[in-house]
Amino acid sequence: MKRPTSEPIVIKKYANRRLYNTDTSSYVTLDDLCDMVKENSDFIVYDAKSGEDLTRQVLTQIIFEQESRGQSLLPIEFMRNLIGFYDNGLKDFMPAYLDTSMQTFMKNQGKMQEYMRTNTSVNSFGQVAQQFEEISKQNMELFSKAFQMFTPFASDGAKKK
């Protein structure tokens, strides 16, 4: 259930790792926070003692929990590439790029779900997979072009990687 206010729900994380929802005045679990994300409830997690924003770490922990339960969504090669960007000159560019890519994917999600509902044959699933592959290739081409814009002095060999 969404709250009427646009302010994010404040979750406090205590030293004993317990999470406290200040909106409901109750302790919550990572599964509860996962459900809140799926319900589009906005929240922010603070360290109860220092006030440090821990939202990113908690969201990462939720993803880790989902992945370790066998709900593998992130391909291994994607995760390896993502880790590689932490020491890369494009690390400042990646969050905006990934966010834009996800927003575009979400805009098209409804269309894809409708297509999947109306075309349930094995052949149409193959066509959908081909379309996803084509979209991925196009995204990689755009990313490569953007990468080249940010590295104009790179050698030709570095640009082709």
C-alpha atoms as a PDB file:
ATOM      1  CA  MET A   1       0.000   0.000   0.000  1.00  0.00           C
ATOM      2  CA  LYS A   2       1.401   3.376  -1.037  1.00  0.00           C
ATOM      3  CA  ARG A   3       1.491   6.255   1.386  1.00  0.00           C
ATOM      4  CA  PRO A   4      -0.148   9.537   0.424  1.00  0.00           C
ATOM      5  CA  THR A   5       3.088  11.476   0.889  1.00  0.00           C
ATOM      6  CA  SER A   6       5.881  11.642  -1.652  1.00  0.00           C
ATOM      7  CA  GLU A   7       8.552  11.459   1.037  1.00  0.00           C
ATOM      8  CA  PRO A   8      10.419   8.151   1.127  1.00  0.00           C
ATOM      9  CA  ILE A   9       9.819   5.815   4.041  1.00  0.00           C
ATOM     10  CA  VAL A  10      12.721   5.952   6.479  1.00  0.00           C
ATOM     11  CA  ILE A  11      14.234   2.619   7.472  1.00  0.00           C
ATOM     12  CA  LYS A  12      16.779   2.627  10.271  1.00  0.00           C
ATOM     13  CA  LYS A  13      19.439  -0.070  10.396  1.00  0.00           C
ATOM     14  CA  TYR A  14      20.735  -0.841  13.861  1.00  0.00           C
ATOM     15  CA  ALA A  15      24.102  -2.281  14.882  1.00  0.00           C
ATOM     16  CA  ASN A  16      22.481  -5.682  15.421  1.00  0.00           C
ATOM     17  CA  ARG A  17      21.526  -5.568  11.685  1.00  0.00           C
ATOM     18  CA  ARG A  18      17.837  -5.166  12.438  1.00  0.00           C
ATOM     19  CA  LEU A  19      15.872  -2.891  10.148  1.00  0.00           C
ATOM     20  CA  TYR A  20      13.195  -0.625  11.596  1.00  0.00           C
ATOM     21  CA  ASN A  21      10.451   0.915   9.464  1.00  0.00           C
ATOM     22  CA  THR A  22       9.689   4.303  11.023  1.00  0.00           C
ATOM     23  CA  ASP A  23       6.456   4.565   9.018  1.00  0.00           C
ATOM     24  CA  THR A  24       4.882   1.428  10.511  1.00  0.00           C
ATOM     25  CA  SER A  25       6.898   1.464  13.756  1.00  0.00           C
ATOM     26  CA  SER A  26       7.912  -2.132  13.232  1.00  0.00           C
ATOM     27  CA  TYR A  27      10.944  -4.197  12.410  1.00  0.00           C
ATOM     28  CA  VAL A  28      11.219  -5.419   8.830  1.00  0.00           C
ATOM     29  CA  THR A  29      13.303  -7.956   6.956  1.00  0.00           C
ATOM     30  CA  LEU A  30      15.125  -7.796   3.649  1.00  0.00           C
ATOM     31  CA  ASP A  31      12.195  -9.744   2.188  1.00  0.00           C
ATOM     32  CA  ASP A  32       9.846  -7.002   3.389  1.00  0.00           C
ATOM     33  CA  LEU A  33      12.024  -4.378   1.730  1.00  0.00           C
ATOM     34  CA  CYS A  34      12.111  -6.494  -1.430  1.00  0.00           C
ATOM     35  CA  ASP A  35       8.303  -6.507  -1.430  1.00  0.00           C
ATOM     36  CA  MET A  36       8.302  -2.747  -0.924  1.00  0.00           C
ATOM     37  CA  VAL A  37      10.526  -2.328  -3.991  1.00  0.00           C
ATOM     38  CA  LYS A  38       8.191  -4.529  -6.037  1.00  0.00           C
ATOM     39  CA  GLU A  39       5.249  -2.384  -4.853  1.00  0.00           C
ATOM     40  CA  ASN A  40       7.133   0.761  -5.932  1.00  0.00           C
ATOM     41  CA  SER A  41       7.323   2.032  -2.354  1.00  0.00           C
ATOM     42  CA  ASP A  42      10.139   4.527  -2.012  1.00  0.00           C
ATOM     43  CA  PHE A  43      12.355   4.104   1.016  1.00  0.00           C
ATOM     44  CA  ILE A  44      15.746   5.173   2.255  1.00  0.00           C
ATOM     45  CA  VAL A  45      17.872   3.261   4.745  1.00  0.00           C
ATOM     46  CA  TYR A  46      19.954   5.091   7.324  1.00  0.00           C
ATOM     47  CA  ASP A  47      22.410   3.811   9.876  1.00  0.00           C
ATOM     48  CA  ALA A  48      20.581   4.416  13.172  1.00  0.00           C
ATOM     49  CA  LYS A  49      23.727   5.619  14.937  1.00  0.00           C
ATOM     50  CA  SER A  50      25.704   7.589  12.337  1.00  0.00           C
ATOM     51  CA  GLY A  51      22.878   8.636   9.994  1.00  0.00           C
ATOM     52  CA  GLU A  52      24.868   7.358   6.991  1.00  0.00           C
ATOM     53  CA  ASP A  53      22.755   6.516   3.937  1.00  0.00           C
ATOM     54  CA  LEU A  54      22.878   2.722   3.532  1.00  0.00           C
ATOM     55  CA  THR A  55      20.210   2.414   0.830  1.00  0.00           C
ATOM     56  CA  ARG A  56      22.613   1.312  -1.916  1.00  0.00           C
ATOM     57  CA  GLN A  57      24.181  -1.375   0.272  1.00  0.00           C
ATOM     58  CA  VAL A  58      20.788  -2.708   1.381  1.00  0.00           C
ATOM     59  CA  LEU A  59      19.462  -2.830  -2.180  1.00  0.00           C
ATOM     60  CA  THR A  60      22.620  -4.663  -3.231  1.00  0.00           C
ATOM     61  CA  GLN A  61      22.070  -7.083  -0.346  1.00  0.00           C
ATOM     62  CA  ILE A  62      18.496  -7.705  -1.562  1.00  0.00           C
ATOM     63  CA  ILE A  63      19.801  -8.465  -5.060  1.00  0.00           C
ATOM     64  CA  PHE A  64      22.397 -10.835  -3.556  1.00  0.00           C
ATOM     65  CA  GLU A  65      19.664 -12.624  -1.589  1.00  0.00           C
ATOM     66  CA  GLN A  66      17.496 -13.001  -4.695  1.00  0.00           C
ATOM     67  CA  GLU A  67      20.426 -14.306  -6.740  1.00  0.00           C
ATOM     68  CA  SER A  68      21.467 -16.798  -4.050  1.00  0.00           C
ATOM     69  CA  ARG A  69      17.923 -18.212  -3.910  1.00  0.00           C
ATOM     70  CA  GLY A  70      18.234 -19.384  -7.474  1.00  0.00           C
ATOM     71  CA  GLN A  71      16.393 -16.465  -9.040  1.00  0.00           C
ATOM     72  CA  SER A  72      19.375 -15.650 -11.227  1.00  0.00           C
ATOM     73  CA  LEU A  73      18.607 -12.528 -13.189  1.00  0.00           C
ATOM     74  CA  LEU A  74      22.094 -11.154 -13.708  1.00  0.00           C
ATOM     75  CA  PRO A  75      24.261 -13.034 -16.210  1.00  0.00           C
ATOM     76  CA  ILE A  76      27.740 -13.854 -14.956  1.00  0.00           C
ATOM     77  CA  GLU A  77      29.421 -11.985 -17.809  1.00  0.00           C
ATOM     78  CA  PHE A  78      27.312  -8.899 -17.042  1.00  0.00           C
ATOM     79  CA  MET A  79      28.409  -9.008 -13.406  1.00  0.00           C
ATOM     80  CA  ARG A  80      32.066  -9.426 -14.402  1.00  0.00           C
ATOM     81  CA  ASN A  81      31.808  -6.470 -16.768  1.00  0.00           C
ATOM     82  CA  LEU A  82      30.055  -4.386 -14.142  1.00  0.00           C
ATOM     83  CA  ILE A  83      32.798  -5.106 -11.605  1.00  0.00           C
ATOM     84  CA  GLY A  84      35.379  -4.095 -14.207  1.00  0.00           C
ATOM     85  CA  PHE A  85      33.803  -0.651 -14.502  1.00  0.00           C
ATOM     86  CA  TYR A  86      34.561   0.203 -10.879  1.00  0.00           C
ATOM     87  CA  ASP A  87      38.156   1.008 -11.821  1.00  0.00           C
ATOM     88  CA  ASN A  88      37.350   2.239 -15.310  1.00  0.00           C
ATOM     89  CA  GLY A  89      37.345   5.809 -16.584  1.00  0.00           C
ATOM     90  CA  LEU A  90      33.658   5.381 -17.429  1.00  0.00           C
ATOM     91  CA  LYS A  91      32.574   4.637 -13.868  1.00  0.00           C
ATOM     92  CA  ASP A  92      30.964   8.086 -13.644  1.00  0.00           C
ATOM     93  CA  PHE A  93      29.079   7.481 -16.901  1.00  0.00           C
ATOM     94  CA  MET A  94      27.816   3.961 -16.096  1.00  0.00           C
ATOM     95  CA  PRO A  95      25.115   4.756 -13.505  1.00  0.00           C
ATOM     96  CA  ALA A  96      23.317   7.136 -15.874  1.00  0.00           C
ATOM     97  CA  TYR A  97      23.717   4.722 -18.781  1.00  0.00           C
ATOM     98  CA  LEU A  98      22.410   1.746 -16.807  1.00  0.00           C
ATOM     99  CA  ASP A  99      19.540   3.792 -15.384  1.00  0.00           C
ATOM    100  CA  THR A 100      18.525   5.017 -18.847  1.00  0.00           C
ATOM    101  CA  SER A 101      18.760   1.482 -20.234  1.00  0.00           C
ATOM    102  CA  MET A 102      16.565   0.140 -17.428  1.00  0.00           C
ATOM    103  CA  GLN A 103      14.022   2.949 -17.880  1.00  0.00           C
ATOM    104  CA  THR A 104      13.830   2.148 -21.605  1.00  0.00           C
ATOM    105  CA  PHE A 105      13.418  -1.539 -20.848  1.00  0.00           C
ATOM    106  CA  MET A 106      10.639  -0.810 -18.354  1.00  0.00           C
ATOM    107  CA  LYS A 107       8.805   1.377 -20.876  1.00  0.00           C
ATOM    108  CA  ASN A 108       8.815  -1.540 -23.304  1.00  0.00           C
ATOM    109  CA  GLN A 109       8.040  -4.162 -20.659  1.00  0.00           C
ATOM    110  CA  GLY A 110       4.268  -3.846 -21.047  1.00  0.00           C
ATOM    111  CA  LYS A 111       4.500  -4.296 -24.796  1.00  0.00           C
ATOM    112  CA  MET A 112       6.732  -7.353 -24.366  1.00  0.00           C
ATOM    113  CA  GLN A 113       4.406  -8.928 -21.807  1.00  0.00           C
ATOM    114  CA  GLU A 114       1.409  -8.387 -24.077  1.00  0.00           C
ATOM    115  CA  TYR A 115       3.305  -9.908 -26.989  1.00  0.00           C
ATOM    116  CA  MET A 116       4.246 -12.915 -24.856  1.00  0.00           C
ATOM    117  CA  ARG A 117       0.609 -13.377 -23.763  1.00  0.00           C
ATOM    118  CA  THR A 118      -0.741 -13.292 -27.289  1.00  0.00           C
ATOM    119  CA  ASN A 119       2.074 -15.277 -28.933  1.00  0.00           C
ATOM    120  CA  THR A 120       2.696 -18.305 -26.759  1.00  0.00           C
ATOM    121  CA  SER A 121       3.991 -20.741 -29.362  1.00  0.00           C
ATOM    122  CA  VAL A 122       7.541 -22.071 -29.130  1.00  0.00           C
ATOM    123  CA  ASN A 123       8.337 -20.366 -32.428  1.00  0.00           C
ATOM    124  CA  SER A 124       7.254 -16.948 -31.133  1.00  0.00           C
ATOM    125  CA  PHE A 125       9.462 -17.352 -28.036  1.00  0.00           C
ATOM    126  CA  GLY A 126      12.386 -17.860 -30.399  1.00  0.00           C
ATOM    127  CA  GLN A 127      11.388 -14.685 -32.229  1.00  0.00           C
ATOM    128  CA  VAL A 128      11.242 -12.786 -28.930  1.00  0.00           C
ATOM    129  CA  ALA A 129      14.704 -14.071 -28.025  1.00  0.00           C
ATOM    130  CA  GLN A 130      15.996 -12.871 -31.399  1.00  0.00           C
ATOM    131  CA  GLN A 131      14.435  -9.457 -30.810  1.00  0.00           C
ATOM    132  CA  PHE A 132      16.052  -9.229 -27.354  1.00  0.00           C
ATOM    133  CA  GLU A 133      19.387 -10.184 -28.873  1.00  0.00           C
ATOM    134  CA  GLU A 134      19.015  -7.506 -31.559  1.00  0.00           C
ATOM    135  CA  ILE A 135      18.099  -4.862 -28.963  1.00  0.00           C
ATOM    136  CA  SER A 136      21.121  -5.900 -26.886  1.00  0.00           C
ATOM    137  CA  LYS A 137      23.400  -5.563 -29.896  1.00  0.00           C
ATOM    138  CA  GLN A 138      22.001  -2.105 -30.620  1.00  0.00           C
ATOM    139  CA  ASN A 139      22.526  -1.072 -26.985  1.00  0.00           C
ATOM    140  CA  MET A 140      26.131  -2.310 -27.101  1.00  0.00           C
ATOM    141  CA  GLU A 141      26.746  -0.347 -30.315  1.00  0.00           C
ATOM    142  CA  LEU A 142      25.383   2.793 -28.654  1.00  0.00           C
ATOM    143  CA  PHE A 143      27.506   2.133 -25.585  1.00  0.00           C
ATOM    144  CA  SER A 144      30.612   1.591 -27.709  1.00  0.00           C
ATOM    145  CA  LYS A 145      30.006   4.852 -29.550  1.00  0.00           C
ATOM    146  CA  ALA A 146      29.504   6.663 -26.260  1.00  0.00           C
ATOM    147  CA  PHE A 147      32.669   5.053 -24.889  1.00  0.00           C
ATOM    148  CA  GLN A 148      34.621   6.310 -27.904  1.00  0.00           C
ATOM    149  CA  MET A 149      33.308   9.826 -27.313  1.00  0.00           C
ATOM    150  CA  PHE A 150      34.711   9.729 -23.779  1.00  0.00           C
ATOM    151  CA  THR A 151      38.079   8.339 -24.897  1.00  0.00           C
ATOM    152  CA  PRO A 152      38.975  10.407 -27.967  1.00  0.00           C
ATOM    153  CA  PHE A 153      42.724   9.930 -27.442  1.00  0.00           C
ATOM    154  CA  ALA A 154      42.603   6.150 -27.065  1.00  0.00           C
ATOM    155  CA  SER A 155      44.549   4.119 -29.573  1.00  0.00           C
ATOM    156  CA  ASP A 156      42.632   2.365 -32.340  1.00  0.00           C
ATOM    157  CA  GLY A 157      43.264  -0.953 -30.620  1.00  0.00           C
ATOM    158  CA  ALA A 158      41.676   0.269 -27.395  1.00  0.00           C
ATOM    159  CA  LYS A 159      38.648   1.572 -29.267  1.00  0.00           C
ATOM    160  CA  LYS A 160      38.037  -1.804 -30.896  1.00  0.00           C
ATOM    161  CA  LYS A 161      37.928  -3.784 -27.647  1.00  0.00           C
END
